């Protein structure tokens, strides 16, 4: 009995052990299958996410390409009728690059030339000349009035009108001489239609010092001389009239800027430290006679008007009345002036803005050309 019971317990233990092992094996198999299923699900979702990303990228890229195609089509880079992109062949790409470079260079060059022509101030005229008055009777009050009509200023030539006013005893003759140096000399002294002098006066070409001291080196001068008889003109006065053309342009204009440079007109300036210039025969103006500078003297130089739209930048000597280009002195006047037309200056600023825009367009074309060149170099390196 005891042996059967032991055999039965042993059989029971074997059966329970085997069945437990089978159960654990089944549980392990189910866990393995569940884990494999979860892994398959994760990979499936990852594949789905990647596929979705590719789809979104493709759709966005297609939309961007379509938008760019429409913009480029509006800009003329696509065929206007079929909407198909016109690609450049290998031979056309260098041609396009050269065209962009040439276009940019031409635009920048033209803009620079226009800028220089518009902005650069005019070169002030250089006028080196002198007109001096001398009398044989220095006690006679004298006025020298010089007028430069602006309308008569031409390229390389300028017209001048000179009036000499003497105030003295009635019918007492006054012998006078106007000595012209350098650019103050007339171009056609022997042509009556070009150079006008008073009746009975003469104009000669000779040599004189500067100042016309007898011991000074001589240079070429023109001397206009005559005799005036004060009469009933402005009381007791006489006014010889002289006019002619100077060999230089006293006016220079470019854009809104106007420059004026006149010869010096008046009487010789003597140093108060020396007395010999006042002695008879000390002055030699190149023609016979005993000449002295006038003791009571006034010179007036006039170059026209100046309206409210013209700004005077530089004036020497100073101008007292801004409405006129007018100078006065008791010795001599050499007028220099630079003024600006405010209206033209505004137009010049607008042109400068337009030239800046053109320069920007030219620079943009050059940048595009360089970008194409760099792109071609990258493509060539990648293909190599």
Protein backbone atom coordinates (compact mmCIF):
# COMPACT_ATOMS: atom_id res chain seq x y z
CA UNK A 1 0.00 0.00 0.00
CA UNK A 2 2.76 2.30 0.91
CA UNK A 3 4.55 1.69 -2.39
CA UNK A 4 1.44 2.45 -4.40
CA UNK A 5 0.93 5.71 -2.60
CA UNK A 6 4.50 6.79 -3.29
CA UNK A 7 4.13 5.83 -6.96
CA UNK A 8 0.90 7.79 -7.15
CA UNK A 9 2.51 10.92 -5.56
CA UNK A 10 5.46 10.67 -7.89
CA UNK A 11 3.18 10.41 -10.93
CA UNK A 12 1.18 13.38 -9.68
CA UNK A 13 4.35 15.47 -9.21
CA UNK A 14 5.55 14.62 -12.71
CA UNK A 15 2.20 15.52 -14.24
CA UNK A 16 2.06 18.87 -12.35
CA UNK A 17 5.65 19.68 -13.26
CA UNK A 18 5.12 18.95 -16.93
CA UNK A 19 1.83 20.84 -17.05
CA UNK A 20 3.42 23.86 -15.30
CA UNK A 21 6.30 23.88 -17.77
CA UNK A 22 3.87 23.69 -20.66
CA UNK A 23 1.88 26.57 -19.17
CA UNK A 24 4.99 28.73 -18.72
CA UNK A 25 6.09 27.86 -22.23
CA UNK A 26 2.72 28.95 -23.56
CA UNK A 27 2.91 32.21 -21.57
CA UNK A 28 6.40 32.93 -22.89
CA UNK A 29 5.29 32.25 -26.44
CA UNK A 30 2.33 34.62 -26.02
CA UNK A 31 4.63 37.32 -24.62
CA UNK A 32 7.02 36.89 -27.52
CA UNK A 33 4.18 37.17 -29.99
CA UNK A 34 2.81 40.28 -28.28
CA UNK A 35 6.24 41.92 -28.26
CA UNK A 36 6.74 41.09 -31.95
CA UNK A 37 3.31 42.52 -32.73
CA UNK A 38 4.13 45.73 -30.88
CA UNK A 39 7.42 46.06 -32.77
CA UNK A 40 5.66 45.49 -36.08
CA UNK A 41 3.10 48.16 -35.15
CA UNK A 42 5.85 50.69 -34.25
CA UNK A 43 7.67 50.10 -37.54
CA UNK A 44 4.43 50.38 -39.42
CA UNK A 45 3.64 53.74 -37.79
CA UNK A 46 7.16 54.98 -38.47
CA UNK A 47 6.82 54.03 -42.12
CA UNK A 48 3.47 55.79 -42.23
CA UNK A 49 4.92 58.97 -40.66
CA UNK A 50 7.80 59.01 -43.11
CA UNK A 51 5.45 58.49 -46.01
CA UNK A 52 3.23 61.32 -44.73
CA UNK A 53 6.26 63.66 -44.43
CA UNK A 54 7.32 62.87 -47.96
CA UNK A 55 3.79 63.56 -49.18
CA UNK A 56 3.62 66.91 -47.38
CA UNK A 57 7.07 67.91 -48.66
CA UNK A 58 6.13 66.96 -52.18
CA UNK A 59 2.91 68.94 -52.02
CA UNK A 60 4.61 71.99 -50.49
CA UNK A 61 7.44 71.78 -53.00
CA UNK A 62 4.99 71.45 -55.83
CA UNK A 63 3.04 74.47 -54.56
CA UNK A 64 6.20 76.55 -54.23
CA UNK A 65 7.38 75.51 -57.67
CA UNK A 66 4.00 76.34 -59.11
CA UNK A 67 4.02 79.76 -57.42
CA UNK A 68 7.54 80.45 -58.60
CA UNK A 69 6.57 79.33 -62.12
CA UNK A 70 3.67 81.77 -62.13
CA UNK A 71 5.85 84.63 -60.84
CA UNK A 72 8.58 83.88 -63.34
CA UNK A 73 6.00 83.55 -66.11
CA UNK A 74 4.74 87.04 -65.26
CA UNK A 75 8.32 88.31 -65.40
CA UNK A 76 8.79 86.89 -68.89
CA UNK A 77 11.13 84.01 -68.04
CA UNK A 78 8.56 81.47 -69.25
CA UNK A 79 6.79 81.17 -72.54
CA UNK A 80 3.81 83.56 -72.35
CA UNK A 81 1.43 81.24 -74.18
CA UNK A 82 2.22 77.67 -73.16
CA UNK A 83 3.47 78.37 -69.61
CA UNK A 84 6.47 76.15 -70.24
CA UNK A 85 9.86 77.15 -68.89
CA UNK A 86 12.45 78.17 -71.44
CA UNK A 87 15.77 76.67 -70.35
CA UNK A 88 19.13 77.94 -71.56
CA UNK A 89 21.29 75.62 -73.56
CA UNK A 90 25.00 75.29 -72.95
CA UNK A 91 25.83 77.83 -75.67
CA UNK A 92 23.24 80.34 -74.47
CA UNK A 93 24.42 80.47 -70.83
CA UNK A 94 27.72 82.29 -71.58
CA UNK A 95 25.80 84.67 -73.84
CA UNK A 96 23.36 85.47 -71.03
CA UNK A 97 26.25 86.03 -68.62
CA UNK A 98 28.01 88.40 -71.02
CA UNK A 99 24.77 90.27 -71.67
CA UNK A 100 24.19 90.80 -67.94
CA UNK A 101 27.76 92.00 -67.43
CA UNK A 102 27.58 94.39 -70.37
CA UNK A 103 24.19 95.74 -69.34
CA UNK A 104 25.32 96.35 -65.76
CA UNK A 105 28.58 97.95 -66.88
CA UNK A 106 26.83 100.24 -69.38
CA UNK A 107 24.25 101.36 -66.80
CA UNK A 108 26.90 102.12 -64.19
CA UNK A 109 29.13 103.90 -66.73
CA UNK A 110 26.31 106.06 -68.10
CA UNK A 111 25.18 106.95 -64.59
CA UNK A 112 28.72 107.96 -63.61
CA UNK A 113 29.10 110.13 -66.72
CA UNK A 114 25.74 111.81 -66.10
CA UNK A 115 26.66 112.31 -62.44
CA UNK A 116 29.94 113.99 -63.32
CA UNK A 117 28.21 116.22 -65.89
CA UNK A 118 25.42 117.13 -63.48
CA UNK A 119 27.15 117.43 -60.12
CA UNK A 120 30.63 118.66 -60.96
CA UNK A 121 30.90 122.42 -60.38
CA UNK A 122 32.12 124.59 -63.28
CA UNK A 123 35.74 125.55 -63.52
CA UNK A 124 35.85 129.25 -62.63
CA UNK A 125 37.23 131.33 -65.49
CA UNK A 126 40.76 132.59 -65.00
CA UNK A 127 40.89 136.23 -66.11
CA UNK A 128 44.19 138.09 -65.71
CA UNK A 129 43.83 141.65 -66.90
CA UNK A 130 43.75 145.27 -65.77
CA UNK A 131 42.23 148.52 -66.99
CA UNK A 132 43.67 151.72 -65.49
CA UNK A 133 42.72 155.35 -66.10
CA UNK A 134 45.26 158.21 -66.30
CA UNK A 135 44.84 161.98 -66.73
CA UNK A 136 47.08 164.91 -67.54
CA UNK A 137 45.14 166.92 -64.94
CA UNK A 138 44.82 164.76 -61.81
CA UNK A 139 42.64 167.29 -59.96
CA UNK A 140 39.62 166.56 -62.20
CA UNK A 141 37.10 164.29 -60.38
CA UNK A 142 36.73 161.09 -62.38
CA UNK A 143 34.32 158.15 -62.40
CA UNK A 144 34.99 154.89 -64.28
CA UNK A 145 31.82 152.87 -64.87
CA UNK A 146 32.31 149.33 -66.24
CA UNK A 147 29.37 147.19 -67.33
CA UNK A 148 29.35 143.53 -68.38
CA UNK A 149 25.95 142.72 -69.98
CA UNK A 150 25.15 139.10 -68.99
CA UNK A 151 23.28 138.49 -72.25
CA UNK A 152 26.44 139.28 -74.27
CA UNK A 153 28.63 136.70 -72.54
CA UNK A 154 29.67 134.04 -75.04
CA UNK A 155 31.92 131.01 -74.99
CA UNK A 156 35.48 132.36 -75.07
CA UNK A 157 34.47 136.03 -75.50
CA UNK A 158 32.85 138.72 -73.35
CA UNK A 159 31.52 142.16 -74.14
CA UNK A 160 32.37 145.12 -71.92
CA UNK A 161 31.06 148.69 -71.89
CA UNK A 162 33.10 151.46 -70.25
CA UNK A 163 31.98 155.00 -69.48
CA UNK A 164 34.47 157.62 -68.23
CA UNK A 165 32.80 160.57 -66.50
CA UNK A 166 34.76 163.78 -65.87
CA UNK A 167 33.45 166.62 -63.71
CA UNK A 168 35.31 169.91 -64.19
CA UNK A 169 35.17 173.54 -65.29
CA UNK A 170 33.05 174.11 -68.37
CA UNK A 171 34.82 173.73 -71.71
CA UNK A 172 38.21 173.11 -70.14
CA UNK A 173 39.72 170.12 -71.98
CA UNK A 174 40.73 166.99 -70.10
CA UNK A 175 43.22 164.64 -71.73
CA UNK A 176 42.70 161.03 -70.65
CA UNK A 177 44.15 157.58 -71.35
CA UNK A 178 42.83 154.10 -70.54
CA UNK A 179 45.60 151.48 -70.35
CA UNK A 180 44.49 147.84 -70.86
CA UNK A 181 46.67 144.91 -69.77
CA UNK A 182 46.36 141.17 -70.44
CA UNK A 183 42.81 139.85 -70.81
CA UNK A 184 41.36 143.35 -70.48
CA UNK A 185 42.58 144.18 -74.01
CA UNK A 186 40.09 144.18 -76.88
CA UNK A 187 40.17 141.40 -79.47
CA UNK A 188 39.53 143.59 -82.54
CA UNK A 189 40.84 147.06 -81.75
CA UNK A 190 40.96 148.13 -85.40
CA UNK A 191 37.44 146.98 -86.35
CA UNK A 192 34.87 149.75 -85.77
CA UNK A 193 31.98 147.29 -85.76
CA UNK A 194 33.58 145.33 -82.89
CA UNK A 195 35.34 148.05 -80.87
CA UNK A 196 33.66 151.41 -80.29
CA UNK A 197 35.68 154.42 -79.07
CA UNK A 198 34.72 158.12 -78.75
CA UNK A 199 35.07 160.41 -81.77
CA UNK A 200 38.59 161.79 -82.02
CA UNK A 201 40.00 159.10 -79.69
CA UNK A 202 42.71 156.65 -80.74
CA UNK A 203 43.62 153.09 -79.75
CA UNK A 204 47.20 151.90 -80.09
CA UNK A 205 49.13 148.78 -79.14
CA UNK A 206 52.34 149.58 -77.27
CA UNK A 207 54.37 148.52 -74.25
CA UNK A 208 54.25 149.70 -70.66
CA UNK A 209 55.32 148.57 -67.22
CA UNK A 210 52.95 147.18 -64.61
CA UNK A 211 52.65 149.50 -62.72
CA UNK A 212 53.74 151.81 -65.54
CA UNK A 213 56.84 153.17 -63.86
CA UNK A 214 59.51 154.15 -66.33
CA UNK A 215 62.01 151.68 -64.84
CA UNK A 216 59.66 148.63 -64.76
CA UNK A 217 59.84 145.83 -67.35
CA UNK A 218 57.54 146.47 -70.28
CA UNK A 219 54.69 144.27 -71.52
CA UNK A 220 52.12 144.50 -74.32
CA UNK A 221 49.24 146.88 -73.63
CA UNK A 222 46.49 148.73 -75.48
CA UNK A 223 46.09 152.44 -74.80
CA UNK A 224 42.86 154.27 -75.67
CA UNK A 225 43.33 158.03 -75.37
CA UNK A 226 41.38 161.16 -76.18
CA UNK A 227 40.31 164.60 -75.07
CA UNK A 228 37.06 165.35 -73.23
CA UNK A 229 35.36 168.71 -72.94
CA UNK A 230 33.03 169.00 -69.95
CA UNK A 231 29.76 170.63 -71.03
CA UNK A 232 26.12 170.74 -70.02
CA UNK A 233 25.83 167.02 -69.38
CA UNK A 234 24.77 166.31 -65.81
CA UNK A 235 25.80 169.87 -64.89
CA UNK A 236 29.40 170.19 -66.02
CA UNK A 237 30.53 166.71 -67.04
CA UNK A 238 31.71 164.72 -70.01
CA UNK A 239 31.27 160.96 -70.52
CA UNK A 240 33.33 159.23 -73.23
CA UNK A 241 31.87 155.77 -74.07
CA UNK A 242 33.99 152.71 -74.97
CA UNK A 243 32.85 149.17 -75.78
CA UNK A 244 34.40 146.04 -77.22
CA UNK A 245 35.01 142.31 -76.86
CA UNK A 246 37.46 140.70 -74.45
CA UNK A 247 39.36 137.59 -75.62
CA UNK A 248 38.20 135.48 -72.65
CA UNK A 249 34.92 134.29 -71.22
CA UNK A 250 34.30 135.95 -67.88
CA UNK A 251 31.31 133.70 -67.17
CA UNK A 252 31.22 129.95 -66.54
CA UNK A 253 28.00 128.01 -65.86
CA UNK A 254 27.27 124.32 -65.25
CA UNK A 255 23.94 123.13 -63.92
CA UNK A 256 22.78 125.46 -61.15
CA UNK A 257 26.23 126.98 -60.53
CA UNK A 258 27.30 130.29 -62.09
CA UNK A 259 30.84 131.70 -61.81
CA UNK A 260 32.04 135.18 -62.73
CA UNK A 261 35.60 136.52 -62.90
CA UNK A 262 36.31 140.04 -64.15
CA UNK A 263 39.52 141.97 -64.87
CA UNK A 264 40.59 144.62 -62.41
CA UNK A 265 39.43 148.14 -63.29
CA UNK A 266 40.30 151.43 -61.56
CA UNK A 267 43.39 153.53 -60.96
CA UNK A 268 46.88 152.36 -60.13
CA UNK A 269 47.47 151.84 -56.44
CA UNK A 270 50.58 153.64 -55.23
CA UNK A 271 52.37 153.00 -51.99
CA UNK A 272 52.18 155.93 -49.53
CA UNK A 273 55.80 155.22 -48.55
CA UNK A 274 57.17 156.47 -51.87
CA UNK A 275 56.89 159.93 -53.37
CA UNK A 276 58.63 159.42 -56.74
CA UNK A 277 55.50 158.00 -58.50
CA UNK A 278 53.87 161.42 -58.06
CA UNK A 279 56.68 163.32 -59.74
CA UNK A 280 56.31 164.40 -63.39
CA UNK A 281 57.58 161.77 -65.81
CA UNK A 282 57.52 158.93 -63.27
CA UNK A 283 54.72 157.16 -65.14
CA UNK A 284 55.29 155.90 -68.68
CA UNK A 285 52.15 154.37 -70.24
CA UNK A 286 53.65 153.97 -73.70
CA UNK A 287 52.36 157.15 -75.35
CA UNK A 288 53.71 160.73 -75.13
CA UNK A 289 52.50 162.96 -72.34
CA UNK A 290 52.73 163.63 -68.65
CA UNK A 291 50.34 161.24 -66.98
CA UNK A 292 49.14 160.92 -63.43
CA UNK A 293 46.41 158.98 -61.72
CA UNK A 294 43.27 160.98 -60.77
CA UNK A 295 43.21 162.28 -57.23
CA UNK A 296 39.40 162.16 -56.81
CA UNK A 297 38.21 158.89 -58.23
CA UNK A 298 35.40 156.32 -58.12
CA UNK A 299 35.04 153.02 -60.00
CA UNK A 300 31.76 151.15 -60.47
CA UNK A 301 31.54 147.61 -61.87
CA UNK A 302 28.15 146.13 -62.76
CA UNK A 303 27.36 142.60 -64.05
CA UNK A 304 23.55 142.57 -64.12
CA UNK A 305 20.83 141.64 -61.69
CA UNK A 306 20.31 138.84 -59.20
CA UNK A 307 16.79 137.63 -58.45
CA UNK A 308 15.40 135.95 -55.36
CA UNK A 309 15.87 132.44 -56.80
CA UNK A 310 19.65 132.88 -57.06
CA UNK A 311 21.81 132.38 -53.99
CA UNK A 312 25.17 134.13 -53.82
CA UNK A 313 27.71 131.69 -52.36
CA UNK A 314 30.95 133.62 -52.81
CA UNK A 315 31.50 137.30 -53.69
CA UNK A 316 34.71 139.32 -53.61
CA UNK A 317 34.48 142.19 -52.85
CA UNK A 318 31.29 141.85 -50.84
CA UNK A 319 27.99 142.84 -52.45
CA UNK A 320 25.93 145.39 -50.57
CA UNK A 321 22.71 144.95 -52.58
CA UNK A 322 21.86 141.25 -53.16
CA UNK A 323 19.52 142.24 -56.01
CA UNK A 324 22.43 143.38 -58.21
CA UNK A 325 25.95 142.21 -59.02
CA UNK A 326 27.41 145.62 -58.29
CA UNK A 327 30.72 146.78 -56.80
CA UNK A 328 32.16 150.22 -55.99
CA UNK A 329 35.58 151.44 -54.83
CA UNK A 330 37.77 154.53 -54.76
CA UNK A 331 40.83 152.60 -56.02
CA UNK A 332 40.03 149.50 -58.10
CA UNK A 333 37.69 146.50 -58.30
CA UNK A 334 38.43 142.94 -59.35
CA UNK A 335 35.12 141.09 -59.05
CA UNK A 336 34.86 137.36 -58.35
CA UNK A 337 31.52 135.66 -57.76
CA UNK A 338 29.87 132.26 -57.54
CA UNK A 339 26.12 131.83 -57.18
CA UNK A 340 23.59 128.98 -57.29
CA UNK A 341 20.20 128.87 -58.99
CA UNK A 342 17.92 127.35 -56.34
CA UNK A 343 15.36 126.07 -58.86
CA UNK A 344 17.98 124.33 -60.97
CA UNK A 345 19.55 122.92 -57.80
CA UNK A 346 16.22 121.24 -56.94
CA UNK A 347 16.06 119.69 -60.41
CA UNK A 348 19.65 118.52 -60.03
CA UNK A 349 18.78 116.72 -56.79
CA UNK A 350 15.95 114.89 -58.58
CA UNK A 351 18.33 113.86 -61.37
CA UNK A 352 20.76 112.62 -58.76
CA UNK A 353 18.01 110.43 -57.29
CA UNK A 354 17.23 108.97 -60.74
CA UNK A 355 20.91 108.29 -61.37
CA UNK A 356 21.10 106.48 -58.05
CA UNK A 357 18.22 104.26 -59.17
CA UNK A 358 19.96 103.52 -62.48
CA UNK A 359 23.19 102.69 -60.65
CA UNK A 360 21.21 100.30 -58.44
CA UNK A 361 19.77 98.59 -61.53
CA UNK A 362 23.23 98.26 -63.07
CA UNK A 363 24.70 96.89 -59.86
CA UNK A 364 21.84 94.40 -59.59
CA UNK A 365 22.53 93.19 -63.14
CA UNK A 366 26.21 92.73 -62.28
CA UNK A 367 25.33 90.77 -59.13
CA UNK A 368 23.01 88.49 -61.13
CA UNK A 369 25.76 87.92 -63.69
CA UNK A 370 28.28 87.04 -60.97
CA UNK A 371 25.77 84.69 -59.35
CA UNK A 372 25.30 82.91 -62.67
CA UNK A 373 29.05 82.67 -63.10
CA UNK A 374 29.54 81.17 -59.63
CA UNK A 375 26.69 78.74 -60.26
CA UNK A 376 28.30 77.61 -63.51
CA UNK A 377 31.62 77.11 -61.73
CA UNK A 378 29.95 74.97 -59.02
CA UNK A 379 28.15 72.90 -61.67
CA UNK A 380 31.40 72.40 -63.57
CA UNK A 381 33.24 71.28 -60.43
CA UNK A 382 30.41 68.93 -59.48
CA UNK A 383 30.37 67.38 -62.95
CA UNK A 384 34.15 66.93 -62.88
